[in-house]
Protein backbone atom coordinates (compact mmCIF):
# COMPACT_ATOMS: atom_id res chain seq x y z
CA MET A 1 29.03 1.71 -17.52
CA SER A 2 27.92 0.18 -20.17
CA SER A 3 24.75 -1.66 -21.00
CA SER A 4 26.91 -5.07 -22.18
CA ILE A 5 29.00 -4.42 -18.82
CA ILE A 6 25.85 -4.30 -16.67
CA ALA A 7 25.08 -8.04 -18.53
CA SER A 8 27.80 -9.19 -17.80
CA MET A 9 28.18 -8.54 -13.56
CA SER A 10 27.40 -11.43 -11.63
CA PRO A 11 24.39 -10.50 -9.33
CA ALA A 12 27.43 -10.19 -6.21
CA GLN A 13 28.94 -7.38 -8.46
CA VAL A 14 25.44 -5.69 -8.96
CA ALA A 15 25.07 -5.96 -4.74
CA SER A 16 28.40 -4.64 -4.65
CA LEU A 17 27.85 -1.65 -6.57
CA THR A 18 27.88 1.94 -5.02
CA THR A 19 24.19 3.68 -4.08
CA LYS A 20 26.31 6.70 -7.04
CA GLN A 21 27.06 3.68 -9.20
CA ILE A 22 22.95 3.15 -9.16
CA ALA A 23 21.72 6.35 -9.38
CA ALA A 24 24.07 6.84 -12.81
CA LEU A 25 22.18 3.59 -14.76
CA SER A 26 21.27 4.48 -17.44
CA THR A 27 18.10 3.22 -18.78
CA THR A 28 19.62 1.04 -21.25
CA ASP A 29 21.69 -0.01 -18.56
CA ALA A 30 18.19 -1.02 -16.29
CA ALA A 31 16.38 -2.29 -18.88
CA ALA A 32 20.46 -4.97 -19.26
CA LEU A 33 19.75 -5.45 -15.19
CA SER A 34 18.59 -9.81 -15.22
CA SER A 35 16.34 -10.94 -13.06
CA ALA A 36 19.04 -12.41 -10.62
CA GLN A 37 20.94 -9.21 -10.65
CA VAL A 38 17.83 -7.41 -9.78
CA GLN A 39 16.91 -9.87 -7.05
CA ALA A 40 20.72 -8.84 -5.91
CA LEU A 41 20.13 -5.36 -5.44
CA LEU A 42 20.14 -4.21 -1.55
CA THR A 43 17.70 -2.49 -0.20
CA THR A 44 19.40 0.54 0.25
CA GLN A 45 20.38 0.75 -3.18
CA ILE A 46 16.97 0.22 -4.80
CA PRO A 47 15.90 4.03 -3.25
CA TYR A 48 18.61 5.31 -5.92
CA ILE A 49 17.41 3.64 -9.12
CA SER A 50 15.33 6.58 -10.83
CA ASN A 51 11.76 6.13 -11.92
CA ALA A 52 13.09 6.46 -15.46
CA ASP A 53 15.24 3.60 -14.78
CA ILE A 54 13.13 1.74 -13.25
CA VAL A 55 10.14 1.49 -16.11
CA GLU A 56 12.90 -0.15 -17.99
CA ILE A 57 13.02 -2.73 -15.76
CA SER A 58 11.62 -5.90 -16.91
CA THR A 59 8.88 -7.45 -15.59
CA ALA A 60 10.95 -10.85 -15.06
CA ALA A 61 13.04 -9.02 -13.20
CA ILE A 62 9.89 -6.92 -11.44
CA VAL A 63 8.67 -9.77 -10.01
CA ALA A 64 11.62 -11.17 -8.89
CA LEU A 65 12.08 -8.44 -5.61
CA MET A 66 11.97 -9.96 -2.80
CA SER A 67 9.79 -8.32 0.13
CA ASP A 68 11.79 -6.03 1.52
CA GLN A 69 13.13 -4.71 -2.13
CA ILE A 70 9.10 -3.67 -2.79
CA ALA A 71 8.99 -1.89 0.94
CA SER A 72 12.14 0.15 -0.62
CA LEU A 73 11.34 1.35 -3.66
CA SER A 74 10.50 4.87 -3.60
CA THR A 75 7.18 6.29 -4.15
CA LYS A 76 7.91 8.29 -7.50
CA ASP A 77 10.01 4.32 -8.51
CA VAL A 78 5.92 3.50 -7.36
CA SER A 79 4.17 5.85 -9.18
CA ALA A 80 5.98 5.25 -12.72
CA LEU A 81 5.28 1.54 -12.81
CA THR A 82 4.04 0.68 -16.37
CA SER A 83 0.90 -1.43 -16.77
CA ALA A 84 2.88 -4.68 -17.21
CA GLN A 85 4.90 -3.99 -14.44
CA VAL A 86 1.78 -3.50 -12.13
CA SER A 87 0.10 -6.72 -13.72
CA ALA A 88 3.67 -8.53 -12.95
CA LEU A 89 3.42 -7.38 -9.17
CA ILE A 90 -0.01 -8.67 -9.05
CA ALA A 91 0.92 -12.44 -10.40
CA SER A 92 3.48 -12.72 -7.93
CA SER A 93 1.79 -11.43 -4.91
CA ASP A 94 3.68 -9.17 -3.78
CA ILE A 95 0.84 -6.03 -3.44
CA PRO A 96 0.81 -6.77 0.12
CA TYR A 97 4.54 -5.20 0.86
CA LEU A 98 3.64 -2.24 -0.82
CA THR A 99 3.84 0.90 2.05
CA SER A 100 0.94 3.35 2.47
CA ALA A 101 3.27 6.03 1.16
CA GLN A 102 3.30 3.67 -2.08
CA VAL A 103 -0.18 3.20 -1.77
CA LYS A 104 -0.48 6.87 -2.04
CA ALA A 105 1.46 7.24 -5.13
CA LEU A 106 -0.02 4.82 -6.81
CA SER A 107 -2.09 6.51 -10.22
CA THR A 108 -5.55 6.06 -10.11
CA ALA A 109 -5.54 3.31 -13.17
CA GLN A 110 -3.01 1.95 -10.89
CA VAL A 111 -4.77 1.64 -7.92
CA ALA A 112 -8.11 0.48 -10.45
CA ALA A 113 -5.38 -2.71 -11.70
CA LEU A 114 -4.80 -3.42 -8.07
CA ALA A 115 -8.18 -2.81 -6.50
CA ALA A 116 -8.66 -6.23 -5.98
CA SER A 117 -5.11 -7.56 -4.72
CA LEU A 118 -5.03 -4.67 -2.38
CA SER A 119 -5.41 -5.27 1.72
CA SER A 120 -8.23 -4.40 3.58
CA THR A 121 -5.19 -2.08 5.39
CA GLN A 122 -4.21 -0.66 2.37
CA LEU A 123 -7.22 0.30 0.83
CA GLY A 124 -7.69 2.78 3.79
CA TYR A 125 -4.54 4.19 2.50
CA LEU A 126 -6.44 5.84 -0.65
CA THR A 127 -7.32 9.13 -1.19
CA ALA A 128 -10.45 10.44 -2.99
CA ALA A 129 -8.66 11.09 -5.76
CA GLN A 130 -7.49 7.88 -6.51
CA ALA A 131 -10.83 6.75 -5.49
CA SER A 132 -13.12 8.94 -7.62
CA GLY A 133 -10.58 7.49 -10.47
CA LEU A 134 -12.19 3.82 -9.45
CA THR A 135 -14.07 2.00 -12.56
CA ALA A 136 -17.33 0.34 -11.35
CA THR A 137 -15.40 -2.99 -12.98
CA ALA A 138 -12.58 -2.20 -10.56
CA LEU A 139 -14.47 -1.73 -7.48
CA GLY A 140 -16.77 -4.98 -8.18
CA ASN A 141 -14.37 -6.88 -8.04
CA ILE A 142 -13.57 -5.50 -3.93
CA SER A 143 -15.22 -7.52 -1.93
CA THR A 144 -17.85 -4.81 0.03
CA THR A 145 -15.94 -5.93 3.71
CA LEU A 146 -13.05 -4.64 2.07
CA LEU A 147 -15.09 -1.40 0.94
CA SER A 148 -16.47 -0.67 4.64
CA ASN A 149 -12.53 -0.28 5.13
CA LEU A 150 -12.69 3.23 3.49
CA ALA A 151 -12.21 5.79 4.75
CA THR A 152 -15.89 8.37 4.80
CA PRO A 153 -13.63 11.35 2.62
CA VAL A 154 -12.32 8.00 0.08
CA LEU A 155 -16.20 6.89 0.20
CA ALA A 156 -17.77 10.38 -0.34
CA ALA A 157 -15.60 10.36 -3.36
CA PHE A 158 -17.62 7.83 -5.68
CA ASN A 159 -19.80 9.14 -7.99
CA SER A 160 -23.55 7.43 -9.27
CA ALA A 161 -21.03 5.35 -12.21
CA GLN A 162 -19.20 3.82 -9.69
C-alpha cells in the first residue's frame, strides 16, 4: 500500500485491514493514519503495528486511542513511544490503561515523564532499574502515599540524589 491509499481510506476500511496488512504498513503509511483511522483500529490489529511504525503515528492519533486500544499495544510499541507521544498520553489521561507488562517495558525516560500520572498499582510494577532512573523532580511529583506503594527492591534502588 502507499501512504496516499492509506490516507484516502475510511476508518471502516482501516478497521477491515487484516493483521498481515497492518504488519506490512510502512513507516510512511503509519504516519499517514488520521486520528479517526487510528481510533477505528481493532484491538486485534494494534499488536501488529511495528514499533518503527508506532513512532510515526501522530500525537493527535495517539490521543485518539481508546482505553482497550492502549491496553492492546505491545510492550515493544510502548517502549518505542516518543516523548511527544508519552506527553500526549498524559494529556489525554490514558496512562491508567497501561498494563503491568507495558509499565515494566517503559524506559527510564518514559517513567520519569509519566511518574506523576502512574497509579499506585502501576508504580508497584516499576523495576529497580526504572526507579533508579527517576530524577528528584520526577520523584517530587509523586505523592508520598503513592511512593509508599513501591516494592522494597525498588525503594532500595534510589540513591541519595533522588
